[in-house]
C-alpha atoms as a PDB file:
ATOM      1  CA  UNK A   1     121.957 203.071  34.935  1.00  0.00           C
ATOM      2  CA  UNK A   2     124.410 202.429  38.249  1.00  0.00           C
ATOM      3  CA  UNK A   3     123.817 199.187  37.872  1.00  0.00           C
ATOM      4  CA  UNK A   4     125.230 199.359  34.192  1.00  0.00           C
ATOM      5  CA  UNK A   5     128.923 200.906  35.576  1.00  0.00           C
ATOM      6  CA  UNK A   6     128.953 198.474  38.547  1.00  0.00           C
ATOM      7  CA  UNK A   7     129.196 196.112  35.690  1.00  0.00           C
ATOM      8  CA  UNK A   8     132.300 197.544  34.449  1.00  0.00           C
ATOM      9  CA  UNK A   9     133.326 198.065  37.664  1.00  0.00           C
ATOM     10  CA  UNK A  10     132.808 201.784  37.713  1.00  0.00           C
ATOM     11  CA  UNK A  11     131.646 203.493  40.983  1.00  0.00           C
ATOM     12  CA  UNK A  12     127.760 203.960  41.271  1.00  0.00           C
ATOM     13  CA  UNK A  13     126.997 207.857  41.395  1.00  0.00           C
ATOM     14  CA  UNK A  14     125.092 209.968  43.653  1.00  0.00           C
ATOM     15  CA  UNK A  15     123.258 212.463  41.410  1.00  0.00           C
ATOM     16  CA  UNK A  16     121.263 211.760  37.932  1.00  0.00           C
ATOM     17  CA  UNK A  17     123.631 214.059  36.105  1.00  0.00           C
ATOM     18  CA  UNK A  18     126.733 212.221  37.606  1.00  0.00           C
ATOM     19  CA  UNK A  19     125.161 208.824  36.296  1.00  0.00           C
ATOM     20  CA  UNK A  20     124.089 210.400  32.888  1.00  0.00           C
ATOM     21  CA  UNK A  21     127.718 211.908  32.292  1.00  0.00           C
ATOM     22  CA  UNK A  22     129.373 208.605  33.859  1.00  0.00           C
ATOM     23  CA  UNK A  23     127.425 206.353  31.493  1.00  0.00           C
ATOM     24  CA  UNK A  24     128.099 208.523  28.110  1.00  0.00           C
ATOM     25  CA  UNK A  25     131.809 208.825  28.966  1.00  0.00           C
ATOM     26  CA  UNK A  26     131.792 204.950  29.677  1.00  0.00           C
ATOM     27  CA  UNK A  27     129.752 203.599  27.171  1.00  0.00           C
ATOM     28  CA  UNK A  28     129.730 206.041  24.493  1.00  0.00           C
ATOM     29  CA  UNK A  29     133.108 207.512  24.303  1.00  0.00           C
ATOM     30  CA  UNK A  30     135.201 204.640  25.725  1.00  0.00           C
ATOM     31  CA  UNK A  31     133.617 201.759  24.664  1.00  0.00           C
ATOM     32  CA  UNK A  32     131.137 202.641  21.928  1.00  0.00           C
ATOM     33  CA  UNK A  33     128.585 200.281  23.272  1.00  0.00           C
ATOM     34  CA  UNK A  34     125.362 202.914  23.399  1.00  0.00           C
ATOM     35  CA  UNK A  35     124.936 205.671  20.385  1.00  0.00           C
ATOM     36  CA  UNK A  36     125.417 209.216  21.061  1.00  0.00           C
ATOM     37  CA  UNK A  37     121.665 209.586  20.273  1.00  0.00           C
ATOM     38  CA  UNK A  38     121.029 207.744  23.537  1.00  0.00           C
ATOM     39  CA  UNK A  39     122.834 209.984  25.778  1.00  0.00           C
ATOM     40  CA  UNK A  40     120.369 212.709  24.708  1.00  0.00           C
ATOM     41  CA  UNK A  41     117.087 210.452  25.488  1.00  0.00           C
ATOM     42  CA  UNK A  42     118.357 209.727  28.847  1.00  0.00           C
ATOM     43  CA  UNK A  43     118.862 213.223  29.305  1.00  0.00           C
ATOM     44  CA  UNK A  44     115.322 213.789  27.760  1.00  0.00           C
ATOM     45  CA  UNK A  45     113.844 211.394  29.910  1.00  0.00           C
ATOM     46  CA  UNK A  46     115.677 212.831  32.933  1.00  0.00           C
ATOM     47  CA  UNK A  47     114.467 216.162  32.322  1.00  0.00           C
ATOM     48  CA  UNK A  48     110.476 214.661  31.604  1.00  0.00           C
ATOM     49  CA  UNK A  49     110.554 213.338  34.884  1.00  0.00           C
ATOM     50  CA  UNK A  50     111.385 216.749  36.477  1.00  0.00           C
ATOM     51  CA  UNK A  51     108.342 218.056  34.682  1.00  0.00           C
ATOM     52  CA  UNK A  52     106.412 215.309  35.740  1.00  0.00           C
ATOM     53  CA  UNK A  53     107.232 215.260  39.084  1.00  0.00           C
ATOM     54  CA  UNK A  54     107.173 218.672  39.862  1.00  0.00           C
ATOM     55  CA  UNK A  55     105.117 220.384  37.575  1.00  0.00           C
ATOM     56  CA  UNK A  56     102.324 217.521  36.767  1.00  0.00           C
ATOM     57  CA  UNK A  57     103.381 217.287  32.950  1.00  0.00           C
ATOM     58  CA  UNK A  58     103.377 213.860  31.240  1.00  0.00           C
ATOM     59  CA  UNK A  59     105.513 213.309  28.280  1.00  0.00           C
ATOM     60  CA  UNK A  60     103.897 212.001  25.009  1.00  0.00           C
ATOM     61  CA  UNK A  61     102.982 208.584  24.395  1.00  0.00           C
ATOM     62  CA  UNK A  62     105.490 208.229  21.872  1.00  0.00           C
ATOM     63  CA  UNK A  63     108.227 209.865  23.871  1.00  0.00           C
ATOM     64  CA  UNK A  64     107.191 207.392  26.526  1.00  0.00           C
ATOM     65  CA  UNK A  65     107.850 204.387  24.422  1.00  0.00           C
ATOM     66  CA  UNK A  66     111.282 205.644  23.575  1.00  0.00           C
ATOM     67  CA  UNK A  67     112.434 206.044  26.788  1.00  0.00           C
ATOM     68  CA  UNK A  68     111.403 202.575  27.614  1.00  0.00           C
ATOM     69  CA  UNK A  69     112.718 201.078  24.837  1.00  0.00           C
ATOM     70  CA  UNK A  70     116.144 202.777  25.460  1.00  0.00           C
ATOM     71  CA  UNK A  71     115.271 201.053  29.184  1.00  0.00           C
ATOM     72  CA  UNK A  72     115.086 197.924  27.497  1.00  0.00           C
ATOM     73  CA  UNK A  73     118.544 198.173  25.390  1.00  0.00           C
ATOM     74  CA  UNK A  74     120.515 199.302  28.304  1.00  0.00           C
ATOM     75  CA  UNK A  75     118.874 196.677  30.534  1.00  0.00           C
ATOM     76  CA  UNK A  76     120.353 193.971  27.908  1.00  0.00           C
ATOM     77  CA  UNK A  77     123.331 195.677  28.048  1.00  0.00           C
ATOM     78  CA  UNK A  78     123.873 195.123  31.675  1.00  0.00           C
ATOM     79  CA  UNK A  79     122.718 191.317  31.384  1.00  0.00           C
ATOM     80  CA  UNK A  80     124.874 190.650  28.675  1.00  0.00           C
ATOM     81  CA  UNK A  81     128.292 192.208  30.530  1.00  0.00           C
ATOM     82  CA  UNK A  82     127.472 190.547  33.458  1.00  0.00           C
END
């Protein structure tokens, strides 16, 4: 996500929340490149990362596939923006 911000000459962020907020403001609100739902999926992925890391809980396979699909979409945006 930070790399995607850098492709638009925006500064990288130090926290997960900062990155999510910056991506939402730029790519959802300002440019309309990402759907609002994408931000919800990113927030959900961040929350599941915390659960996995601190509580040893794993997300379901369909949820993981949704996270990976969004990551691939964002990667494609970054490549095409460069």
